[in-house]
N, C-alpha and C. Protein backbone atom coordinates (compact mmCIF):
# COMPACT_ATOMS: atom_id res chain seq x y z
N MET A 1 -18.19 17.66 -2.00
CA MET A 1 -16.95 18.60 -1.71
C MET A 1 -17.08 19.54 -3.07
N SER A 2 -16.94 20.89 -2.68
CA SER A 2 -16.66 22.11 -3.30
C SER A 2 -15.70 21.84 -4.80
N ARG A 3 -15.87 22.36 -5.64
CA ARG A 3 -15.35 22.42 -7.09
C ARG A 3 -13.79 23.50 -6.66
N ASN A 4 -14.13 24.23 -6.07
CA ASN A 4 -12.92 25.11 -5.47
C ASN A 4 -11.90 24.43 -4.41
N VAL A 5 -12.32 23.48 -4.01
CA VAL A 5 -11.35 22.81 -3.06
C VAL A 5 -10.96 21.67 -3.62
N ARG A 6 -9.41 21.84 -3.95
CA ARG A 6 -8.54 20.80 -4.34
C ARG A 6 -8.76 19.78 -3.43
N ALA A 7 -8.91 18.70 -3.93
CA ALA A 7 -8.78 17.07 -3.10
C ALA A 7 -7.27 17.05 -3.12
N THR A 8 -7.11 16.28 -1.76
CA THR A 8 -5.66 15.90 -1.42
C THR A 8 -5.78 14.49 -1.27
N ALA A 9 -5.00 13.42 -1.34
CA ALA A 9 -4.95 12.27 -0.76
C ALA A 9 -4.62 12.43 0.73
N ILE A 10 -5.35 11.57 1.81
CA ILE A 10 -4.98 11.73 3.12
C ILE A 10 -4.06 10.43 3.61
N LEU A 11 -3.25 10.80 4.49
CA LEU A 11 -2.16 10.06 4.81
C LEU A 11 -2.70 9.44 6.37
N LEU A 12 -3.09 8.47 6.62
CA LEU A 12 -3.32 7.98 8.19
C LEU A 12 -2.12 6.99 8.87
N TYR A 13 -1.84 7.68 9.76
CA TYR A 13 -0.93 7.39 10.70
C TYR A 13 -0.99 7.31 12.09
N ASP A 14 -0.07 6.61 12.45
CA ASP A 14 -0.14 6.80 14.22
C ASP A 14 0.88 8.09 14.86
N GLY A 15 -0.29 8.55 15.03
CA GLY A 15 0.04 9.70 16.04
C GLY A 15 0.98 9.63 17.28
N ASP A 16 0.73 8.37 17.75
CA ASP A 16 1.52 7.80 19.00
C ASP A 16 2.97 7.46 18.80
N CYS A 17 3.28 7.43 17.76
CA CYS A 17 4.52 6.80 17.10
C CYS A 17 5.58 8.18 16.75
N ALA A 18 6.51 8.29 17.57
CA ALA A 18 7.89 9.07 17.14
C ALA A 18 8.16 8.94 15.49
N MET A 19 8.45 8.17 15.37
CA MET A 19 9.28 7.60 14.09
C MET A 19 7.87 8.11 13.05
N CYS A 20 6.79 7.76 13.04
CA CYS A 20 5.52 8.15 12.45
C CYS A 20 5.50 9.65 11.87
N ARG A 21 5.49 10.06 13.44
CA ARG A 21 5.39 11.73 13.04
C ARG A 21 6.30 12.44 12.67
N ALA A 22 7.79 12.35 13.02
CA ALA A 22 8.72 12.33 12.47
C ALA A 22 8.97 12.35 10.65
N SER A 23 8.27 11.27 10.31
CA SER A 23 8.25 10.86 8.54
C SER A 23 7.09 11.77 8.38
N VAL A 24 6.11 11.93 8.89
CA VAL A 24 4.99 12.81 8.35
C VAL A 24 5.55 14.54 8.47
N ARG A 25 6.59 14.70 9.37
CA ARG A 25 7.01 16.06 9.40
C ARG A 25 8.04 16.24 7.93
N LEU A 26 9.09 15.22 7.89
CA LEU A 26 9.57 15.53 6.54
C LEU A 26 8.98 15.28 5.27
N LEU A 27 7.61 14.41 5.14
CA LEU A 27 6.80 14.37 3.96
C LEU A 27 6.20 16.02 3.80
N GLN A 28 5.67 16.72 4.97
CA GLN A 28 5.31 18.26 4.81
C GLN A 28 6.12 18.84 4.49
N ARG A 29 7.46 18.94 4.48
CA ARG A 29 8.60 19.49 4.06
C ARG A 29 9.00 19.39 2.61
N LEU A 30 8.61 18.12 1.87
CA LEU A 30 9.06 17.94 0.67
C LEU A 30 8.05 17.80 -0.34
N ASP A 31 6.27 17.91 0.38
CA ASP A 31 5.30 18.06 -0.29
C ASP A 31 5.02 19.60 -0.86
N TRP A 32 6.05 19.82 -1.74
CA TRP A 32 5.71 20.94 -2.35
C TRP A 32 4.45 21.36 -3.18
N LEU A 33 3.90 20.33 -3.52
CA LEU A 33 3.13 20.62 -4.49
C LEU A 33 1.59 20.27 -3.58
N GLY A 34 1.76 20.19 -2.28
CA GLY A 34 0.40 20.03 -1.38
C GLY A 34 -0.69 18.91 -1.87
N VAL A 35 -0.12 17.82 -2.20
CA VAL A 35 -0.84 16.74 -2.52
C VAL A 35 -1.05 15.62 -1.35
N LEU A 36 -1.15 16.10 -0.18
CA LEU A 36 -1.05 15.09 0.87
C LEU A 36 -1.87 15.93 2.02
N SER A 37 -2.54 15.36 2.71
CA SER A 37 -3.35 15.92 3.99
C SER A 37 -2.69 14.60 4.88
N TYR A 38 -2.78 14.98 6.17
CA TYR A 38 -2.14 13.95 7.17
C TYR A 38 -3.41 14.03 8.38
N GLN A 39 -3.86 13.00 8.94
CA GLN A 39 -4.30 12.18 9.95
C GLN A 39 -4.02 11.38 10.73
N SER A 40 -4.01 12.01 11.88
CA SER A 40 -3.26 10.88 13.08
C SER A 40 -4.54 9.80 13.39
N ILE A 41 -4.60 8.57 13.15
CA ILE A 41 -5.73 7.56 13.81
C ILE A 41 -6.13 7.87 14.86
N ARG A 42 -5.01 8.04 15.53
CA ARG A 42 -5.12 8.51 17.17
C ARG A 42 -6.15 9.77 17.81
N ASP A 43 -6.29 10.16 16.56
CA ASP A 43 -7.15 11.66 16.90
C ASP A 43 -8.61 11.24 16.76
N SER A 44 -9.57 11.93 17.39
CA SER A 44 -10.73 11.66 17.40
C SER A 44 -11.50 12.28 16.44
N THR A 45 -10.56 12.94 15.13
CA THR A 45 -11.38 12.86 14.14
C THR A 45 -11.83 11.81 13.33
N PRO A 46 -12.84 11.81 12.80
CA PRO A 46 -13.75 10.57 11.89
C PRO A 46 -12.84 10.48 10.94
N LEU A 47 -12.67 9.24 10.49
CA LEU A 47 -12.00 8.86 9.58
C LEU A 47 -12.69 9.11 8.18
N PRO A 48 -11.75 9.48 6.97
CA PRO A 48 -12.56 9.91 5.78
C PRO A 48 -13.69 8.46 5.47
N GLU A 49 -14.52 9.20 4.88
CA GLU A 49 -15.40 8.38 4.10
C GLU A 49 -14.50 7.66 2.76
N THR A 50 -14.70 6.59 2.59
CA THR A 50 -13.84 5.82 1.61
C THR A 50 -14.61 4.80 0.81
N ALA A 51 -14.43 4.47 -0.28
CA ALA A 51 -15.33 3.30 -0.95
C ALA A 51 -14.92 2.18 -0.41
N VAL A 52 -13.56 2.24 0.05
CA VAL A 52 -12.97 0.78 0.91
C VAL A 52 -12.96 1.07 2.33
N PRO A 53 -13.66 -0.31 2.83
CA PRO A 53 -13.80 0.36 4.74
C PRO A 53 -12.45 0.55 4.99
N LEU A 54 -12.08 1.13 6.25
CA LEU A 54 -10.97 1.54 7.12
C LEU A 54 -11.31 0.77 8.26
N ILE A 55 -10.35 -0.06 8.41
CA ILE A 55 -10.78 -1.06 9.97
C ILE A 55 -9.23 -0.67 10.97
N LYS A 56 -9.57 0.15 11.96
CA LYS A 56 -8.89 0.44 12.80
C LYS A 56 -7.65 -0.42 13.04
N GLU A 57 -8.00 -1.28 13.50
CA GLU A 57 -6.65 -2.57 13.64
C GLU A 57 -5.76 -2.16 12.32
N ARG A 58 -6.22 -2.52 11.27
CA ARG A 58 -5.31 -2.57 10.26
C ARG A 58 -4.70 -1.12 10.12
N LEU A 59 -5.42 -0.02 10.32
CA LEU A 59 -4.83 1.49 10.39
C LEU A 59 -3.27 1.36 11.33
N LEU A 60 -3.41 0.58 12.79
CA LEU A 60 -2.44 0.46 13.35
C LEU A 60 -1.82 -0.30 13.43
N GLU A 61 -1.60 -1.06 11.94
CA GLU A 61 -0.53 -1.64 11.70
C GLU A 61 0.54 -1.29 10.87
N GLU A 62 0.01 -0.46 9.85
CA GLU A 62 0.76 0.48 8.78
C GLU A 62 0.04 1.39 8.53
N MET A 63 0.78 2.29 7.86
CA MET A 63 -0.08 3.46 7.22
C MET A 63 -0.70 3.52 5.97
N HIS A 64 -1.97 3.96 5.69
CA HIS A 64 -2.89 4.23 5.03
C HIS A 64 -2.88 5.23 4.27
N LEU A 65 -3.33 5.25 3.03
CA LEU A 65 -3.60 6.66 1.89
C LEU A 65 -4.55 6.45 1.24
N VAL A 66 -5.32 7.65 1.86
CA VAL A 66 -7.08 7.48 0.80
C VAL A 66 -6.42 8.35 -0.55
N THR A 67 -6.77 7.79 -1.75
CA THR A 67 -6.51 8.52 -2.76
C THR A 67 -7.60 9.77 -2.66
N PRO A 68 -7.14 10.95 -3.18
CA PRO A 68 -8.00 12.08 -3.39
C PRO A 68 -9.42 12.31 -4.12
N ASP A 69 -9.72 11.10 -4.75
CA ASP A 69 -11.12 10.61 -5.40
C ASP A 69 -11.78 9.56 -3.98
N ARG A 70 -11.02 9.28 -3.55
CA ARG A 70 -11.71 8.57 -1.89
C ARG A 70 -12.26 7.41 -2.48
N THR A 71 -11.56 6.50 -3.71
CA THR A 71 -12.22 5.55 -4.20
C THR A 71 -11.00 4.45 -3.88
N GLY A 72 -9.92 4.56 -3.43
CA GLY A 72 -8.93 3.92 -3.53
C GLY A 72 -8.15 4.19 -2.08
N VAL A 73 -7.50 2.94 -1.68
CA VAL A 73 -6.54 3.00 -0.43
C VAL A 73 -5.45 2.16 -0.66
N PHE A 74 -4.56 2.69 -0.26
CA PHE A 74 -3.10 2.01 -0.31
C PHE A 74 -2.73 1.64 1.10
N HIS A 75 -1.53 0.89 1.49
CA HIS A 75 -1.05 0.81 2.54
C HIS A 75 -0.06 0.09 2.37
N GLY A 76 0.91 0.53 3.48
CA GLY A 76 2.46 0.23 3.70
C GLY A 76 3.21 0.70 2.38
N PHE A 77 4.17 -0.39 1.73
CA PHE A 77 4.85 -0.14 0.78
C PHE A 77 4.01 0.78 -0.55
N ARG A 78 3.02 -0.11 -0.83
CA ARG A 78 1.99 0.49 -1.97
C ARG A 78 1.80 1.81 -1.50
N ALA A 79 1.44 2.28 -0.35
CA ALA A 79 1.05 3.98 -0.15
C ALA A 79 2.27 4.38 -0.68
N PHE A 80 3.71 4.16 0.12
CA PHE A 80 5.03 4.74 -0.02
C PHE A 80 5.44 4.84 -1.79
N ARG A 81 4.98 3.66 -2.45
CA ARG A 81 5.04 4.07 -4.00
C ARG A 81 4.00 4.93 -4.68
N TRP A 82 3.16 5.34 -4.10
CA TRP A 82 1.86 6.30 -4.64
C TRP A 82 2.49 7.87 -4.34
N ILE A 83 3.24 7.45 -2.98
CA ILE A 83 3.60 8.87 -2.63
C ILE A 83 4.77 9.57 -3.48
N ALA A 84 5.74 8.40 -3.89
CA ALA A 84 6.91 8.55 -4.56
C ALA A 84 7.03 9.28 -5.94
N TRP A 85 5.76 8.99 -6.38
CA TRP A 85 5.37 9.80 -7.75
C TRP A 85 4.99 11.01 -7.79
N ARG A 86 4.45 11.45 -6.44
CA ARG A 86 4.08 12.55 -6.43
C ARG A 86 4.80 13.66 -5.76
N ILE A 87 5.87 13.35 -4.91
CA ILE A 87 6.81 14.07 -4.29
C ILE A 87 7.95 14.29 -5.21
N PRO A 88 8.15 15.41 -5.58
CA PRO A 88 9.24 15.80 -6.77
C PRO A 88 10.68 15.11 -6.02
N LEU A 89 11.16 15.29 -4.80
CA LEU A 89 12.34 14.86 -4.92
C LEU A 89 12.13 13.17 -4.93
N PHE A 90 11.36 12.36 -4.86
CA PHE A 90 11.13 11.06 -4.86
C PHE A 90 11.15 10.47 -6.47
N VAL A 91 10.36 11.14 -7.31
CA VAL A 91 9.98 10.89 -8.45
C VAL A 91 11.35 10.04 -9.12
N ALA A 92 12.69 10.40 -9.03
CA ALA A 92 13.41 9.79 -9.75
C ALA A 92 13.68 8.34 -9.15
N ILE A 93 13.24 7.96 -7.96
CA ILE A 93 13.42 6.51 -7.65
C ILE A 93 12.11 6.00 -7.74
N ALA A 94 11.02 6.55 -7.67
CA ALA A 94 9.74 5.92 -8.16
C ALA A 94 9.71 4.96 -9.11
N PRO A 95 10.26 4.83 -10.11
CA PRO A 95 10.32 3.34 -11.15
C PRO A 95 11.26 2.34 -10.54
N LEU A 96 12.13 2.55 -9.64
CA LEU A 96 12.67 1.59 -9.28
C LEU A 96 12.11 0.71 -8.10
N LEU A 97 11.17 1.24 -7.32
CA LEU A 97 10.25 0.50 -6.64
C LEU A 97 9.34 -0.36 -7.54
N TYR A 98 9.11 -0.79 -8.64
CA TYR A 98 8.52 -1.36 -9.48
C TYR A 98 9.15 -2.57 -10.03
N ILE A 99 10.38 -2.26 -9.73
CA ILE A 99 11.32 -3.79 -10.40
C ILE A 99 10.90 -4.96 -9.69
N PRO A 100 11.02 -6.06 -10.28
CA PRO A 100 10.55 -7.39 -9.79
C PRO A 100 11.33 -7.85 -8.54
N GLY A 101 10.47 -8.19 -7.59
CA GLY A 101 11.08 -8.19 -6.09
C GLY A 101 11.47 -7.23 -5.38
N VAL A 102 11.19 -5.83 -5.70
CA VAL A 102 11.39 -4.81 -4.85
C VAL A 102 10.26 -4.70 -4.03
N PRO A 103 9.17 -4.86 -4.84
CA PRO A 103 7.54 -4.79 -3.85
C PRO A 103 7.77 -5.92 -2.93
N ALA A 104 7.85 -6.69 -3.12
CA ALA A 104 7.84 -7.73 -2.09
C ALA A 104 8.66 -7.38 -0.95
N ILE A 105 10.06 -7.28 -1.45
CA ILE A 105 11.04 -6.95 -0.46
C ILE A 105 10.45 -5.52 0.49
N GLY A 106 10.24 -4.51 -0.11
CA GLY A 106 9.87 -3.43 0.29
C GLY A 106 9.03 -3.58 1.24
N GLN A 107 7.56 -4.30 1.11
CA GLN A 107 6.62 -4.49 1.93
C GLN A 107 6.93 -5.17 3.10
N ARG A 108 7.70 -6.41 2.81
CA ARG A 108 8.33 -7.26 4.21
C ARG A 108 9.50 -5.85 5.10
N LEU A 109 9.81 -5.33 4.38
CA LEU A 109 11.05 -4.32 5.30
C LEU A 109 9.93 -3.20 5.71
N TYR A 110 8.89 -2.66 5.29
CA TYR A 110 8.26 -1.79 5.45
C TYR A 110 7.39 -2.52 6.95
N LEU A 111 6.53 -3.70 6.97
CA LEU A 111 5.95 -4.29 7.75
C LEU A 111 6.81 -4.89 8.88
N TRP A 112 7.94 -4.94 8.80
CA TRP A 112 8.98 -4.99 9.83
C TRP A 112 9.22 -3.82 10.78
N ILE A 113 9.64 -2.83 9.72
CA ILE A 113 9.90 -1.40 10.80
C ILE A 113 8.55 -0.91 11.38
N ALA A 114 7.33 -1.43 10.55
CA ALA A 114 5.92 -0.87 11.17
C ALA A 114 5.78 -1.81 12.62
N LYS A 115 6.22 -2.95 12.56
CA LYS A 115 6.02 -3.65 14.00
C LYS A 115 6.80 -3.33 14.65
N ASN A 116 8.08 -3.02 14.68
CA ASN A 116 9.23 -2.42 15.64
C ASN A 116 9.45 -1.21 16.02
N ARG A 117 8.45 -0.21 15.30
CA ARG A 117 8.83 0.76 15.47
C ARG A 117 8.41 1.59 16.86
N PHE A 118 8.06 1.26 17.95
CA PHE A 118 8.01 2.02 19.04
C PHE A 118 9.71 1.60 19.77
N LYS A 119 10.03 0.51 18.95
CA LYS A 119 11.18 -0.38 19.78
C LYS A 119 12.54 0.53 19.17
N LEU A 120 12.22 0.87 17.68
CA LEU A 120 13.32 1.51 16.84
C LEU A 120 13.46 3.02 17.37
N VAL A 121 12.78 3.53 18.24
CA VAL A 121 12.49 5.12 18.55
C VAL A 121 11.93 4.58 19.76
N PRO A 122 12.44 4.27 20.90
CA PRO A 122 11.79 3.99 22.06
C PRO A 122 11.66 5.49 23.00
N CYS A 123 10.52 5.38 23.45
CA CYS A 123 10.03 6.80 24.35
C CYS A 123 9.98 6.58 25.73
N ARG A 124 10.86 7.28 26.53
CA ARG A 124 10.86 7.15 27.98
C ARG A 124 10.48 8.08 28.49
N HIS A 125 9.63 7.95 29.69
CA HIS A 125 9.26 8.99 30.46
C HIS A 125 8.57 10.14 29.80
N GLY A 126 8.05 9.87 28.75
CA GLY A 126 7.41 10.82 27.56
C GLY A 126 7.96 11.63 26.72
N ALA A 127 9.19 11.11 26.72
CA ALA A 127 10.15 12.06 25.65
C ALA A 127 10.83 10.92 24.67
N CYS A 128 10.55 11.19 23.02
CA CYS A 128 11.05 10.43 22.51
C CYS A 128 12.25 11.09 21.94
N SER A 129 13.20 10.01 21.51
CA SER A 129 14.35 10.37 20.76
C SER A 129 14.60 11.45 19.42
N ILE A 130 13.46 11.22 18.87
CA ILE A 130 13.26 11.92 17.57
C ILE A 130 12.20 12.96 17.87
N ARG A 131 12.16 14.10 17.47
CA ARG A 131 11.34 15.15 17.49
C ARG A 131 10.39 15.64 16.39
């Protein structure tokens, strides 16, 4: 990578999921510092090279975040915590995400939402209720 190009974290998400796409659009609006890049795992674009192997089946289960140096990969609630420290509007809540019990509950809640994401925002006849 060129020194003139600032590395960003890459958020890998399910581009076939209306809720995921809406979440990405929200993050794009709130990412004033430009710390994130976004890649749908459904695209034909090759996955980023990382020190940690990326497994397509796991990528379909929950979002993954590849750190700017490409050595770390966080998924689910841990990815959200990483993002929270870097998006200005989320920084105030970031410390709360480490309170004992919150990570376990947060991951369980995240996995439930991820598993049910197509039921929570159903698409009918090619149109989804979240744009």
